Amino acid sequence: MSDKDKKDIIDLTKIDDFSFSATMRKLRPQLSQEELFEFLKLYKYFYDRAVEEGLQKEETLALAKALIGLNKIRKLKIDKKMVKEAAVSELGDAVQVGQYLANIIRFILQRISVDKRPNTIYKLKQKLYVLNEKEIAAKNMPASSAMGQSITLVKHILFNHDAGYIREVINNIIRYL
C-alpha cells in the first residue's frame, strides 16, 4: 500500500464512542462535501428504516450501516468491536420477537407429555416473568456466543431421536440458513 493510499484511509478507531456526533467530528475534516453529503443521506436512510421497523438503538444501527456504505466510497479503518456491538442489537419489534421466541419455546416443550405441559408452561411463565431485565440488559456477550447457543438449541431439540432423522434435520437447517 502506497503512502497516498494510507493517507486516503480515514482512521475511526480512536473516536470517543460509537456515536453520530463523535464520528462526524472525525469525518468532517477528512471528507469532501459530496462524500459528507452521501454519508448523511445513508445515515438518514438507515435511521428512518430502523425507526419504521421498531428496532432498538436505531442511531447506532444507522451509523454502523452508513459507515459500511461510506467505506465503499472512501476506505475507513473502524474498530470492528464497535460495529459488531451495533449489529447485535438489531432484533426488531418487541411483540414480534416475543411471539417468535414463544413459538420456539412451545416447539421445545412438545417433548413434555400433553398432560404435564400446561403446568410446565405456567411454571415457565412465572420464571420468565421474574427475570431481571436490567441485569439482562447489562450483560455483554460476544457475538460469537450466538453460534454456540444455536448449536446447543439444535442439540437439545434433537436429543433422543433417530440418527437418520437427526441428520435429515441438520441437513435442512444448513439448507435453509
N, C-alpha and C. Protein backbone atom coordinates (compact mmCIF):
# COMPACT_ATOMS: atom_id res chain seq x y z
N MET A 1 0.84 -1.18 0.00
CA MET A 1 0.00 0.00 0.00
C MET A 1 0.89 1.24 0.00
N SER A 2 0.64 2.15 -0.92
CA SER A 2 1.46 3.35 -1.05
C SER A 2 1.13 4.35 0.07
N ASP A 3 2.00 5.34 0.22
CA ASP A 3 1.76 6.38 1.24
C ASP A 3 0.49 7.16 0.94
N LYS A 4 0.21 7.38 -0.34
CA LYS A 4 -1.00 8.11 -0.72
C LYS A 4 -2.25 7.31 -0.33
N ASP A 5 -2.21 5.98 -0.56
CA ASP A 5 -3.34 5.13 -0.18
C ASP A 5 -3.55 5.15 1.33
N LYS A 6 -2.45 5.15 2.09
CA LYS A 6 -2.55 5.19 3.55
C LYS A 6 -3.16 6.50 4.02
N LYS A 7 -2.83 7.60 3.34
CA LYS A 7 -3.39 8.90 3.70
C LYS A 7 -4.87 8.99 3.36
N ASP A 8 -5.31 8.26 2.34
CA ASP A 8 -6.72 8.28 1.94
C ASP A 8 -7.61 7.50 2.89
N ILE A 9 -7.02 6.67 3.74
CA ILE A 9 -7.81 5.88 4.70
C ILE A 9 -8.15 6.77 5.89
N ILE A 10 -9.42 6.79 6.25
CA ILE A 10 -9.87 7.58 7.40
C ILE A 10 -9.88 6.66 8.62
N ASP A 11 -9.10 7.01 9.61
CA ASP A 11 -8.97 6.19 10.82
C ASP A 11 -10.02 6.61 11.86
N LEU A 12 -10.99 5.72 12.10
CA LEU A 12 -12.04 5.98 13.10
C LEU A 12 -11.88 5.10 14.34
N THR A 13 -10.72 4.51 14.50
CA THR A 13 -10.52 3.60 15.65
C THR A 13 -10.36 4.36 16.96
N LYS A 14 -10.06 5.63 16.88
CA LYS A 14 -9.81 6.39 18.11
C LYS A 14 -10.95 7.36 18.46
N ILE A 15 -12.14 7.15 17.92
CA ILE A 15 -13.25 8.02 18.29
C ILE A 15 -13.66 7.74 19.74
N ASP A 16 -14.18 8.78 20.40
CA ASP A 16 -14.52 8.69 21.83
C ASP A 16 -15.49 7.56 22.10
N ASP A 17 -16.58 7.55 21.36
CA ASP A 17 -17.58 6.49 21.48
C ASP A 17 -18.25 6.34 20.12
N PHE A 18 -18.95 5.25 19.95
CA PHE A 18 -19.57 4.96 18.67
C PHE A 18 -20.89 5.73 18.59
N SER A 19 -20.77 7.04 18.36
CA SER A 19 -21.95 7.90 18.26
C SER A 19 -21.85 8.73 16.99
N PHE A 20 -22.99 9.25 16.58
CA PHE A 20 -23.04 10.07 15.37
C PHE A 20 -22.15 11.31 15.51
N SER A 21 -22.27 12.01 16.64
CA SER A 21 -21.51 13.26 16.81
C SER A 21 -20.00 13.00 16.86
N ALA A 22 -19.57 11.96 17.57
CA ALA A 22 -18.13 11.65 17.64
C ALA A 22 -17.60 11.28 16.25
N THR A 23 -18.40 10.54 15.50
CA THR A 23 -17.99 10.13 14.16
C THR A 23 -17.92 11.34 13.23
N MET A 24 -18.91 12.22 13.32
CA MET A 24 -18.93 13.41 12.48
C MET A 24 -17.72 14.31 12.76
N ARG A 25 -17.34 14.45 14.04
CA ARG A 25 -16.17 15.27 14.38
C ARG A 25 -14.92 14.74 13.68
N LYS A 26 -14.84 13.43 13.54
CA LYS A 26 -13.67 12.82 12.91
C LYS A 26 -13.78 12.85 11.37
N LEU A 27 -14.99 12.66 10.85
CA LEU A 27 -15.17 12.59 9.40
C LEU A 27 -15.13 13.95 8.71
N ARG A 28 -15.78 14.94 9.31
CA ARG A 28 -15.98 16.25 8.65
C ARG A 28 -14.70 16.83 8.04
N PRO A 29 -13.58 16.88 8.78
CA PRO A 29 -12.39 17.49 8.17
C PRO A 29 -11.74 16.63 7.07
N GLN A 30 -12.11 15.36 6.98
CA GLN A 30 -11.42 14.46 6.05
C GLN A 30 -12.23 14.12 4.80
N LEU A 31 -13.50 14.51 4.77
CA LEU A 31 -14.36 14.18 3.62
C LEU A 31 -14.62 15.42 2.77
N SER A 32 -14.82 15.17 1.50
CA SER A 32 -15.27 16.26 0.62
C SER A 32 -16.74 16.52 0.91
N GLN A 33 -17.25 17.63 0.40
CA GLN A 33 -18.67 17.96 0.59
C GLN A 33 -19.57 16.85 0.04
N GLU A 34 -19.21 16.31 -1.13
CA GLU A 34 -20.01 15.25 -1.76
C GLU A 34 -20.00 13.98 -0.91
N GLU A 35 -18.83 13.63 -0.42
CA GLU A 35 -18.72 12.42 0.41
C GLU A 35 -19.49 12.58 1.72
N LEU A 36 -19.38 13.77 2.32
CA LEU A 36 -20.11 14.04 3.56
C LEU A 36 -21.61 13.97 3.33
N PHE A 37 -22.07 14.57 2.23
CA PHE A 37 -23.49 14.54 1.90
C PHE A 37 -23.97 13.10 1.68
N GLU A 38 -23.17 12.30 1.00
CA GLU A 38 -23.53 10.90 0.76
C GLU A 38 -23.63 10.13 2.08
N PHE A 39 -22.69 10.37 2.98
CA PHE A 39 -22.74 9.73 4.30
C PHE A 39 -24.01 10.13 5.05
N LEU A 40 -24.35 11.43 5.03
CA LEU A 40 -25.55 11.89 5.72
C LEU A 40 -26.82 11.30 5.11
N LYS A 41 -26.85 11.17 3.79
CA LYS A 41 -28.01 10.54 3.13
C LYS A 41 -28.14 9.08 3.58
N LEU A 42 -27.01 8.37 3.61
CA LEU A 42 -27.04 6.97 4.05
C LEU A 42 -27.52 6.86 5.49
N TYR A 43 -26.99 7.72 6.34
CA TYR A 43 -27.38 7.69 7.75
C TYR A 43 -28.88 7.92 7.91
N LYS A 44 -29.40 8.92 7.24
CA LYS A 44 -30.84 9.22 7.34
C LYS A 44 -31.68 8.06 6.81
N TYR A 45 -31.27 7.49 5.70
CA TYR A 45 -32.00 6.36 5.13
C TYR A 45 -32.06 5.20 6.13
N PHE A 46 -30.92 4.81 6.69
CA PHE A 46 -30.88 3.69 7.62
C PHE A 46 -31.56 4.02 8.95
N TYR A 47 -31.47 5.26 9.38
CA TYR A 47 -32.14 5.67 10.61
C TYR A 47 -33.66 5.58 10.43
N ASP A 48 -34.16 6.12 9.33
CA ASP A 48 -35.61 6.06 9.06
C ASP A 48 -36.10 4.62 8.97
N ARG A 49 -35.34 3.76 8.32
CA ARG A 49 -35.73 2.34 8.22
C ARG A 49 -35.76 1.68 9.59
N ALA A 50 -34.78 1.97 10.43
CA ALA A 50 -34.73 1.38 11.77
C ALA A 50 -35.92 1.83 12.60
N VAL A 51 -36.29 3.10 12.48
CA VAL A 51 -37.44 3.63 13.22
C VAL A 51 -38.72 2.96 12.72
N GLU A 52 -38.89 2.85 11.40
CA GLU A 52 -40.07 2.20 10.82
C GLU A 52 -40.20 0.75 11.28
N GLU A 53 -39.08 0.05 11.39
CA GLU A 53 -39.10 -1.35 11.78
C GLU A 53 -39.15 -1.54 13.29
N GLY A 54 -39.11 -0.45 14.05
CA GLY A 54 -39.19 -0.53 15.50
C GLY A 54 -37.96 -1.14 16.15
N LEU A 55 -36.81 -0.95 15.53
CA LEU A 55 -35.57 -1.52 16.07
C LEU A 55 -35.06 -0.69 17.23
N GLN A 56 -34.36 -1.34 18.14
CA GLN A 56 -33.74 -0.64 19.25
C GLN A 56 -32.41 -0.06 18.79
N LYS A 57 -31.96 0.96 19.48
CA LYS A 57 -30.67 1.61 19.19
C LYS A 57 -30.56 1.99 17.71
N GLU A 58 -31.62 2.64 17.21
CA GLU A 58 -31.67 2.97 15.79
C GLU A 58 -30.52 3.87 15.36
N GLU A 59 -30.07 4.77 16.25
CA GLU A 59 -28.95 5.66 15.89
C GLU A 59 -27.67 4.87 15.67
N THR A 60 -27.41 3.92 16.55
CA THR A 60 -26.19 3.11 16.44
C THR A 60 -26.23 2.23 15.21
N LEU A 61 -27.38 1.62 14.96
CA LEU A 61 -27.52 0.77 13.78
C LEU A 61 -27.35 1.58 12.50
N ALA A 62 -28.00 2.74 12.45
CA ALA A 62 -27.90 3.58 11.26
C ALA A 62 -26.46 4.03 11.04
N LEU A 63 -25.77 4.37 12.11
CA LEU A 63 -24.38 4.79 12.00
C LEU A 63 -23.50 3.67 11.45
N ALA A 64 -23.69 2.46 11.99
CA ALA A 64 -22.89 1.32 11.53
C ALA A 64 -23.12 1.06 10.05
N LYS A 65 -24.37 1.06 9.63
CA LYS A 65 -24.67 0.78 8.23
C LYS A 65 -24.22 1.91 7.31
N ALA A 66 -24.35 3.14 7.77
CA ALA A 66 -23.89 4.28 6.97
C ALA A 66 -22.37 4.24 6.80
N LEU A 67 -21.65 3.85 7.84
CA LEU A 67 -20.20 3.74 7.74
C LEU A 67 -19.79 2.63 6.78
N ILE A 68 -20.54 1.54 6.79
CA ILE A 68 -20.27 0.45 5.85
C ILE A 68 -20.47 0.95 4.42
N GLY A 69 -21.53 1.73 4.21
CA GLY A 69 -21.78 2.31 2.89
C GLY A 69 -20.71 3.31 2.49
N LEU A 70 -20.29 4.15 3.44
CA LEU A 70 -19.24 5.13 3.17
C LEU A 70 -17.93 4.44 2.84
N ASN A 71 -17.69 3.31 3.46
CA ASN A 71 -16.45 2.56 3.23
C ASN A 71 -16.31 2.15 1.76
N LYS A 72 -17.41 2.07 1.03
CA LYS A 72 -17.35 1.74 -0.40
C LYS A 72 -16.88 2.94 -1.22
N ILE A 73 -17.06 4.15 -0.66
CA ILE A 73 -16.65 5.37 -1.33
C ILE A 73 -15.23 5.75 -0.91
N ARG A 74 -14.99 5.76 0.39
CA ARG A 74 -13.68 6.09 0.98
C ARG A 74 -13.33 5.00 1.97
N LYS A 75 -12.14 4.52 1.93
CA LYS A 75 -11.73 3.46 2.84
C LYS A 75 -11.67 3.98 4.27
N LEU A 76 -12.27 3.22 5.18
CA LEU A 76 -12.30 3.58 6.59
C LEU A 76 -11.61 2.51 7.41
N LYS A 77 -11.01 2.92 8.48
CA LYS A 77 -10.47 2.00 9.46
C LYS A 77 -11.34 2.16 10.70
N ILE A 78 -12.12 1.11 11.00
CA ILE A 78 -13.11 1.18 12.07
C ILE A 78 -12.81 0.08 13.07
N ASP A 79 -13.06 0.38 14.35
CA ASP A 79 -12.93 -0.63 15.39
C ASP A 79 -14.06 -1.64 15.19
N LYS A 80 -13.72 -2.85 14.78
CA LYS A 80 -14.72 -3.87 14.45
C LYS A 80 -15.60 -4.22 15.65
N LYS A 81 -15.06 -4.12 16.84
CA LYS A 81 -15.84 -4.43 18.04
C LYS A 81 -17.05 -3.50 18.15
N MET A 82 -16.85 -2.22 17.84
CA MET A 82 -17.95 -1.26 17.92
C MET A 82 -19.04 -1.60 16.90
N VAL A 83 -18.65 -1.96 15.70
CA VAL A 83 -19.63 -2.28 14.65
C VAL A 83 -20.38 -3.55 15.03
N LYS A 84 -19.68 -4.54 15.57
CA LYS A 84 -20.34 -5.79 15.98
C LYS A 84 -21.37 -5.53 17.07
N GLU A 85 -21.02 -4.70 18.05
CA GLU A 85 -21.96 -4.38 19.12
C GLU A 85 -23.21 -3.72 18.57
N ALA A 86 -23.05 -2.89 17.56
CA ALA A 86 -24.20 -2.23 16.94
C ALA A 86 -25.07 -3.25 16.23
N ALA A 87 -24.47 -4.18 15.54
CA ALA A 87 -25.22 -5.16 14.77
C ALA A 87 -26.00 -6.12 15.66
N VAL A 88 -25.47 -6.42 16.82
CA VAL A 88 -26.11 -7.38 17.72
C VAL A 88 -27.46 -6.88 18.20
N SER A 89 -27.60 -5.58 18.31
CA SER A 89 -28.83 -5.03 18.89
C SER A 89 -30.00 -4.99 17.91
N GLU A 90 -29.85 -5.44 16.71
CA GLU A 90 -30.89 -5.34 15.69
C GLU A 90 -31.85 -6.52 15.77
N LEU A 91 -32.78 -6.48 16.73
CA LEU A 91 -33.74 -7.57 16.90
C LEU A 91 -35.07 -7.31 16.20
N GLY A 92 -35.60 -6.11 16.34
CA GLY A 92 -36.87 -5.80 15.72
C GLY A 92 -37.93 -5.48 16.75
N ASP A 93 -39.18 -5.43 16.31
CA ASP A 93 -40.32 -5.10 17.14
C ASP A 93 -40.44 -6.08 18.31
N ALA A 94 -40.65 -5.56 19.52
CA ALA A 94 -40.70 -6.40 20.72
C ALA A 94 -41.83 -7.43 20.67
N VAL A 95 -42.97 -7.06 20.11
CA VAL A 95 -44.10 -8.00 20.02
C VAL A 95 -43.74 -9.17 19.10
N GLN A 96 -43.17 -8.86 17.95
CA GLN A 96 -42.79 -9.92 17.01
C GLN A 96 -41.70 -10.82 17.58
N VAL A 97 -40.72 -10.22 18.23
CA VAL A 97 -39.64 -11.02 18.83
C VAL A 97 -40.21 -11.91 19.92
N GLY A 98 -41.11 -11.35 20.75
CA GLY A 98 -41.74 -12.14 21.81
C GLY A 98 -42.53 -13.31 21.25
N GLN A 99 -43.29 -13.08 20.20
CA GLN A 99 -44.07 -14.16 19.57
C GLN A 99 -43.15 -15.23 19.00
N TYR A 100 -42.10 -14.81 18.34
CA TYR A 100 -41.16 -15.74 17.73
C TYR A 100 -40.50 -16.61 18.80
N LEU A 101 -40.04 -15.98 19.88
CA LEU A 101 -39.42 -16.76 20.96
C LEU A 101 -40.43 -17.68 21.64
N ALA A 102 -41.67 -17.22 21.81
CA ALA A 102 -42.70 -18.07 22.40
C ALA A 102 -42.96 -19.29 21.53
N ASN A 103 -42.94 -19.12 20.21
CA ASN A 103 -43.13 -20.26 19.31
C ASN A 103 -41.98 -21.26 19.42
N ILE A 104 -40.77 -20.76 19.56
CA ILE A 104 -39.63 -21.65 19.74
C ILE A 104 -39.78 -22.43 21.05
N ILE A 105 -40.16 -21.73 22.12
CA ILE A 105 -40.33 -22.38 23.42
C ILE A 105 -41.43 -23.43 23.35
N ARG A 106 -42.56 -23.10 22.73
CA ARG A 106 -43.64 -24.10 22.59
C ARG A 106 -43.17 -25.31 21.80
N PHE A 107 -42.37 -25.08 20.77
CA PHE A 107 -41.83 -26.18 19.98
C PHE A 107 -40.95 -27.08 20.86
N ILE A 108 -40.09 -26.46 21.66
CA ILE A 108 -39.22 -27.24 22.54
C ILE A 108 -40.02 -28.01 23.58
N LEU A 109 -41.07 -27.38 24.10
CA LEU A 109 -41.87 -28.00 25.16
C LEU A 109 -42.76 -29.15 24.65
N GLN A 110 -42.79 -29.37 23.35
CA GLN A 110 -43.56 -30.50 22.82
C GLN A 110 -43.02 -31.83 23.31
N ARG A 111 -41.80 -31.86 23.79
CA ARG A 111 -41.20 -33.08 24.31
C ARG A 111 -41.82 -33.49 25.64
N ILE A 112 -42.48 -32.55 26.32
CA ILE A 112 -43.14 -32.83 27.59
C ILE A 112 -44.52 -33.39 27.29
N SER A 113 -44.92 -34.39 28.06
CA SER A 113 -46.22 -35.04 27.81
C SER A 113 -47.35 -34.01 27.87
N VAL A 114 -48.40 -34.27 27.10
CA VAL A 114 -49.52 -33.35 26.95
C VAL A 114 -50.17 -33.04 28.30
N ASP A 115 -50.28 -34.03 29.18
CA ASP A 115 -50.94 -33.79 30.47
C ASP A 115 -50.08 -32.94 31.41
N LYS A 116 -48.77 -32.95 31.26
CA LYS A 116 -47.89 -32.16 32.13
C LYS A 116 -47.54 -30.80 31.52
N ARG A 117 -47.79 -30.62 30.26
CA ARG A 117 -47.37 -29.41 29.56
C ARG A 117 -48.00 -28.13 30.10
N PRO A 118 -49.32 -28.06 30.36
CA PRO A 118 -49.90 -26.80 30.86
C PRO A 118 -49.26 -26.33 32.18
N ASN A 119 -49.02 -27.25 33.08
CA ASN A 119 -48.39 -26.89 34.35
C ASN A 119 -46.95 -26.41 34.13
N THR A 120 -46.25 -27.06 33.21
CA THR A 120 -44.89 -26.67 32.89
C THR A 120 -44.86 -25.27 32.28
N ILE A 121 -45.80 -24.98 31.38
CA ILE A 121 -45.88 -23.66 30.76
C ILE A 121 -46.18 -22.60 31.82
N TYR A 122 -47.06 -22.92 32.76
CA TYR A 122 -47.39 -21.98 33.83
C TYR A 122 -46.14 -21.67 34.66
N LYS A 123 -45.40 -22.70 35.04
CA LYS A 123 -44.17 -22.50 35.83
C LYS A 123 -43.13 -21.72 35.03
N LEU A 124 -43.03 -22.02 33.76
CA LEU A 124 -42.07 -21.32 32.91
C LEU A 124 -42.43 -19.84 32.79
N LYS A 125 -43.72 -19.53 32.64
CA LYS A 125 -44.17 -18.14 32.58
C LYS A 125 -43.77 -17.40 33.86
N GLN A 126 -43.95 -18.05 35.01
CA GLN A 126 -43.58 -17.42 36.28
C GLN A 126 -42.08 -17.14 36.33
N LYS A 127 -41.28 -18.11 35.91
CA LYS A 127 -39.82 -17.94 35.93
C LYS A 127 -39.38 -16.84 34.95
N LEU A 128 -40.01 -16.78 33.79
CA LEU A 128 -39.67 -15.74 32.82
C LEU A 128 -40.07 -14.36 33.33
N TYR A 129 -41.22 -14.29 34.00
CA TYR A 129 -41.71 -13.00 34.48
C TYR A 129 -40.78 -12.37 35.50
N VAL A 130 -40.16 -13.17 36.32
CA VAL A 130 -39.29 -12.63 37.37
C VAL A 130 -37.85 -12.39 36.91
N LEU A 131 -37.57 -12.62 35.62
CA LEU A 131 -36.24 -12.31 35.12
C LEU A 131 -35.98 -10.81 35.29
N ASN A 132 -34.79 -10.46 35.67
CA ASN A 132 -34.44 -9.06 35.89
C ASN A 132 -33.96 -8.45 34.57
N GLU A 133 -34.81 -7.59 33.99
CA GLU A 133 -34.50 -7.00 32.69
C GLU A 133 -33.26 -6.11 32.74
N LYS A 134 -33.02 -5.45 33.87
CA LYS A 134 -31.83 -4.58 33.99
C LYS A 134 -30.55 -5.42 34.00
N GLU A 135 -30.62 -6.54 34.67
CA GLU A 135 -29.46 -7.45 34.71
C GLU A 135 -29.17 -8.00 33.31
N ILE A 136 -30.21 -8.38 32.59
CA ILE A 136 -30.04 -8.91 31.24
C ILE A 136 -29.50 -7.82 30.31
N ALA A 137 -30.03 -6.61 30.44
CA ALA A 137 -29.59 -5.50 29.59
C ALA A 137 -28.12 -5.16 29.83
N ALA A 138 -27.65 -5.38 31.05
CA ALA A 138 -26.27 -5.05 31.39
C ALA A 138 -25.27 -6.10 30.91
N LYS A 139 -25.76 -7.28 30.56
CA LYS A 139 -24.86 -8.35 30.10
C LYS A 139 -24.32 -8.00 28.74
N ASN A 140 -23.06 -8.33 28.53
CA ASN A 140 -22.43 -8.06 27.24
C ASN A 140 -21.73 -9.34 26.79
N MET A 141 -22.42 -10.10 25.97
CA MET A 141 -21.87 -11.35 25.49
C MET A 141 -21.26 -11.14 24.12
N PRO A 142 -20.19 -11.83 23.83
CA PRO A 142 -19.60 -11.69 22.50
C PRO A 142 -20.55 -12.22 21.43
N ALA A 143 -20.51 -11.61 20.27
CA ALA A 143 -21.40 -12.02 19.17
C ALA A 143 -21.18 -13.49 18.82
N SER A 144 -19.96 -13.98 18.99
CA SER A 144 -19.65 -15.37 18.65
C SER A 144 -20.39 -16.36 19.53
N SER A 145 -20.86 -15.93 20.70
CA SER A 145 -21.59 -16.86 21.57
C SER A 145 -22.93 -17.28 20.94
N ALA A 146 -23.43 -16.49 20.00
CA ALA A 146 -24.68 -16.84 19.32
C ALA A 146 -24.53 -18.17 18.57
N MET A 147 -23.34 -18.43 18.04
CA MET A 147 -23.11 -19.68 17.33
C MET A 147 -23.22 -20.87 18.29
N GLY A 148 -22.58 -20.75 19.43
CA GLY A 148 -22.64 -21.83 20.43
C GLY A 148 -24.05 -22.06 20.94
N GLN A 149 -24.80 -20.96 21.17
CA GLN A 149 -26.17 -21.08 21.63
C GLN A 149 -27.05 -21.76 20.58
N SER A 150 -26.80 -21.45 19.32
CA SER A 150 -27.57 -22.06 18.23
C SER A 150 -27.32 -23.56 18.17
N ILE A 151 -26.07 -23.96 18.30
CA ILE A 151 -25.73 -25.39 18.28
C ILE A 151 -26.36 -26.10 19.48
N THR A 152 -26.29 -25.47 20.66
CA THR A 152 -26.89 -26.06 21.86
C THR A 152 -28.40 -26.23 21.69
N LEU A 153 -29.06 -25.23 21.12
CA LEU A 153 -30.50 -25.31 20.89
C LEU A 153 -30.83 -26.50 19.98
N VAL A 154 -30.11 -26.63 18.88
CA VAL A 154 -30.36 -27.74 17.95
C VAL A 154 -30.14 -29.08 18.65
N LYS A 155 -29.08 -29.20 19.41
CA LYS A 155 -28.79 -30.45 20.12
C LYS A 155 -29.91 -30.81 21.10
N HIS A 156 -30.37 -29.82 21.89
CA HIS A 156 -31.42 -30.09 22.87
C HIS A 156 -32.72 -30.51 22.22
N ILE A 157 -33.03 -29.92 21.09
CA ILE A 157 -34.26 -30.28 20.40
C ILE A 157 -34.17 -31.69 19.81
N LEU A 158 -32.99 -32.07 19.34
CA LEU A 158 -32.84 -33.34 18.63
C LEU A 158 -32.39 -34.52 19.51
N PHE A 159 -32.09 -34.28 20.78
CA PHE A 159 -31.69 -35.39 21.66
C PHE A 159 -32.71 -36.52 21.60
N ASN A 160 -32.19 -37.74 21.61
CA ASN A 160 -33.02 -38.94 21.75
C ASN A 160 -33.94 -39.19 20.54
N HIS A 161 -33.52 -38.75 19.37
CA HIS A 161 -34.25 -39.06 18.15
C HIS A 161 -33.40 -40.01 17.31
N ASP A 162 -34.00 -40.56 16.29
CA ASP A 162 -33.32 -41.46 15.38
C ASP A 162 -32.18 -40.71 14.66
N ALA A 163 -31.02 -41.35 14.55
CA ALA A 163 -29.84 -40.72 13.94
C ALA A 163 -30.11 -40.27 12.51
N GLY A 164 -30.83 -41.05 11.73
CA GLY A 164 -31.16 -40.68 10.36
C GLY A 164 -32.02 -39.42 10.32
N TYR A 165 -32.99 -39.36 11.22
CA TYR A 165 -33.86 -38.19 11.31
C TYR A 165 -33.05 -36.95 11.70
N ILE A 166 -32.14 -37.12 12.66
CA ILE A 166 -31.30 -36.01 13.11
C ILE A 166 -30.47 -35.47 11.95
N ARG A 167 -29.86 -36.39 11.17
CA ARG A 167 -29.05 -35.96 10.03
C ARG A 167 -29.89 -35.19 9.02
N GLU A 168 -31.12 -35.67 8.78
CA GLU A 168 -32.01 -35.01 7.82
C GLU A 168 -32.38 -33.59 8.30
N VAL A 169 -32.67 -33.46 9.59
CA VAL A 169 -32.99 -32.15 10.15
C VAL A 169 -31.78 -31.22 10.03
N ILE A 170 -30.59 -31.71 10.39
CA ILE A 170 -29.38 -30.89 10.30
C ILE A 170 -29.13 -30.45 8.86
N ASN A 171 -29.28 -31.36 7.92
CA ASN A 171 -29.11 -31.01 6.51
C ASN A 171 -30.07 -29.93 6.08
N ASN A 172 -31.31 -30.00 6.58
CA ASN A 172 -32.32 -28.98 6.22
C ASN A 172 -32.06 -27.65 6.92
N ILE A 173 -31.53 -27.69 8.13
CA ILE A 173 -31.14 -26.44 8.79
C ILE A 173 -30.08 -25.75 7.95
N ILE A 174 -29.07 -26.51 7.54
CA ILE A 174 -27.99 -25.96 6.72
C ILE A 174 -28.54 -25.42 5.41
N ARG A 175 -29.45 -26.17 4.82
CA ARG A 175 -30.05 -25.77 3.54
C ARG A 175 -30.78 -24.44 3.65
N TYR A 176 -31.52 -24.24 4.74
CA TYR A 176 -32.35 -23.03 4.88
C TYR A 176 -31.65 -21.87 5.56
N LEU A 177 -30.46 -22.10 6.09
CA LEU A 177 -29.69 -20.96 6.63
C LEU A 177 -29.08 -20.24 5.47
